[in-house]
Amino acid sequence: MLRHKIEPRSSETNATGHIDHAVIPVWFELARTPIYKLFNPDLSFATWNTVIRSMTIDYLGQVFHEKMTEVKTCVGEIKNTSFTVMQELWQAGTKVAQGATVIVYFDYQNHRKQAIPRTVREKLLALQQQPD
C-alpha cells in the first residue's frame, strides 16, 4: 500500500469552509504518481502510456482544511490491459472518501490498449494490499 500525506490549503475550500468536492480527485491523482512511474519512470508526456477509463468517488464525510489528510492507495483487480486503483482519504482517523480508478495501458501512437508488461504487472501485484 502507498501512503501520501496532504496538508490541505485554504485555497481548496469552498463557500462552506470545507475542502471542495472537486479537489478530492486531484488529491487521488497526486497519490497515484508512484503507480504512473511504474509505466513511465520520468513521467514524460512524450512517452505517456496510460489512460483513465473510469473513476468513481464516494464522499463519506466532511473534509476540513485545517487537518492533515492522508491518501491510502493500493491496486485492486489486474487484467490483461487494465487495472483498478483503490484509494481512501483519511482525516483525523476517519475515512472521509473512497474511490476506484480503472487505468488502461495505452499506445497513443496506434490509439489502442496494450497488454501490461510482465515486469510492471509484478510491481502492481506487490501493491495489491488493501488499505487498512
Protein backbone atom coordinates (compact mmCIF):
# COMPACT_ATOMS: atom_id res chain seq x y z
CA MET A 1 0.00 0.00 0.00
CA LEU A 2 1.11 3.53 -0.78
CA ARG A 3 0.52 6.45 1.58
CA HIS A 4 0.58 10.12 0.65
CA LYS A 5 0.15 12.94 3.19
CA ILE A 6 -1.53 16.17 2.13
CA GLU A 7 -1.76 19.39 4.07
CA PRO A 8 -4.98 21.00 2.77
CA ARG A 9 -4.65 24.58 1.59
CA SER A 10 -7.21 27.28 2.28
CA SER A 11 -7.49 27.85 -1.49
CA GLU A 12 -9.03 24.36 -1.76
CA THR A 13 -12.03 25.28 0.38
CA ASN A 14 -15.47 26.20 -0.87
CA ALA A 15 -18.06 28.67 0.44
CA THR A 16 -18.99 26.31 3.30
CA GLY A 17 -15.41 26.27 4.61
CA HIS A 18 -14.84 22.62 3.68
CA ILE A 19 -12.49 21.19 1.08
CA ASP A 20 -14.36 21.35 -2.21
CA HIS A 21 -15.51 18.01 -3.62
CA ALA A 22 -13.66 18.69 -6.88
CA VAL A 23 -10.32 18.73 -5.02
CA ILE A 24 -10.53 15.08 -3.94
CA PRO A 25 -9.98 13.64 -7.47
CA VAL A 26 -6.90 15.87 -7.78
CA TRP A 27 -5.51 14.56 -4.49
CA PHE A 28 -6.21 10.99 -5.62
CA GLU A 29 -4.37 11.65 -8.89
CA LEU A 30 -1.39 13.05 -6.99
CA ALA A 31 -1.28 9.94 -4.80
CA ARG A 32 -1.28 7.70 -7.92
CA THR A 33 2.03 9.20 -9.13
CA PRO A 34 4.16 6.23 -7.93
CA ILE A 35 1.91 3.91 -9.94
CA TYR A 36 2.24 6.05 -13.07
CA LYS A 37 6.03 5.91 -12.58
CA LEU A 38 5.88 2.10 -12.92
CA PHE A 39 4.77 2.64 -16.52
CA ASN A 40 6.61 5.87 -17.29
CA PRO A 41 9.52 6.44 -14.84
CA ASP A 42 10.23 10.05 -15.83
CA LEU A 43 6.51 10.94 -16.20
CA SER A 44 7.23 12.45 -19.62
CA PHE A 45 4.12 13.38 -21.59
CA ALA A 46 6.06 12.48 -24.77
CA THR A 47 6.05 8.83 -23.67
CA TRP A 48 2.84 8.78 -21.60
CA ASN A 49 1.23 5.36 -21.83
CA THR A 50 -1.81 5.18 -19.56
CA VAL A 51 -5.36 6.48 -19.82
CA ILE A 52 -8.18 6.57 -17.27
CA ARG A 53 -11.20 4.53 -18.33
CA SER A 54 -13.36 5.32 -15.32
CA MET A 55 -13.29 6.89 -11.88
CA THR A 56 -15.77 6.73 -9.02
CA ILE A 57 -15.62 8.55 -5.71
CA ASP A 58 -17.82 8.12 -2.66
CA TYR A 59 -17.82 11.11 -0.33
CA LEU A 60 -18.27 9.74 3.18
CA GLY A 61 -17.78 12.81 5.35
CA GLN A 62 -16.71 16.42 5.52
CA VAL A 63 -13.09 17.28 4.73
CA PHE A 64 -11.63 20.24 6.60
CA HIS A 65 -8.80 22.50 5.51
CA GLU A 66 -7.09 22.73 8.91
CA LYS A 67 -6.50 18.98 9.33
CA MET A 68 -3.68 16.87 7.87
CA THR A 69 -5.01 14.37 5.35
CA GLU A 70 -3.70 11.03 4.08
CA VAL A 71 -4.46 9.16 0.87
CA LYS A 72 -4.03 5.38 1.08
CA THR A 73 -3.63 3.71 -2.30
CA CYS A 74 -3.48 0.09 -3.40
CA VAL A 75 -4.06 -1.88 -6.58
CA GLY A 76 -7.23 -3.93 -6.94
CA GLU A 77 -8.03 -6.15 -9.90
CA ILE A 78 -5.37 -6.52 -12.59
CA LYS A 79 -6.50 -7.57 -16.06
CA ASN A 80 -4.56 -8.02 -19.31
CA THR A 81 -4.62 -4.36 -20.41
CA SER A 82 -6.05 -2.56 -17.37
CA PHE A 83 -6.05 -2.46 -13.60
CA THR A 84 -8.00 -0.79 -10.82
CA VAL A 85 -6.52 1.59 -8.25
CA MET A 86 -8.38 1.68 -4.92
CA GLN A 87 -7.97 4.81 -2.79
CA GLU A 88 -9.14 6.10 0.56
CA LEU A 89 -8.92 9.60 2.01
CA TRP A 90 -8.42 9.78 5.78
CA GLN A 91 -8.56 12.76 8.07
CA ALA A 92 -8.29 12.72 11.88
CA GLY A 93 -8.69 8.94 11.98
CA THR A 94 -11.86 8.95 9.86
CA LYS A 95 -12.26 7.71 6.29
CA VAL A 96 -13.89 10.66 4.52
CA ALA A 97 -13.79 9.46 0.89
CA GLN A 98 -13.02 6.38 -1.15
CA GLY A 99 -12.56 5.85 -4.84
CA ALA A 100 -11.71 3.45 -7.61
CA THR A 101 -9.96 4.33 -10.87
CA VAL A 102 -9.61 1.96 -13.83
CA ILE A 103 -6.42 2.67 -15.74
CA VAL A 104 -5.62 1.24 -19.18
CA TYR A 105 -2.11 0.67 -20.52
CA PHE A 106 -2.38 2.57 -23.80
CA ASP A 107 -0.42 3.01 -27.03
CA TYR A 108 -1.07 6.62 -28.07
CA GLN A 109 0.69 6.25 -31.44
CA ASN A 110 -1.64 3.44 -32.54
CA HIS A 111 -4.62 4.57 -30.43
CA ARG A 112 -5.21 1.21 -28.78
CA LYS A 113 -4.84 -0.54 -25.48
CA GLN A 114 -1.97 -2.97 -24.99
CA ALA A 115 -1.01 -5.77 -22.61
CA ILE A 116 0.58 -4.67 -19.35
CA PRO A 117 4.27 -5.72 -19.43
CA ARG A 118 5.18 -8.61 -17.13
CA THR A 119 7.70 -6.53 -15.17
CA VAL A 120 5.10 -3.84 -14.46
CA ARG A 121 2.44 -6.45 -13.65
CA GLU A 122 4.72 -7.91 -10.96
CA LYS A 123 5.12 -4.48 -9.37
CA LEU A 124 1.35 -3.93 -9.48
CA LEU A 125 0.81 -7.29 -7.78
CA ALA A 126 3.05 -6.13 -4.94
CA LEU A 127 0.66 -3.20 -4.39
CA GLN A 128 -2.49 -5.31 -4.12
CA GLN A 129 -2.63 -4.98 -0.35
CA GLN A 130 -5.92 -3.43 0.74
CA PRO A 131 -5.91 -0.13 2.63
CA ASP A 132 -6.26 -0.59 6.38
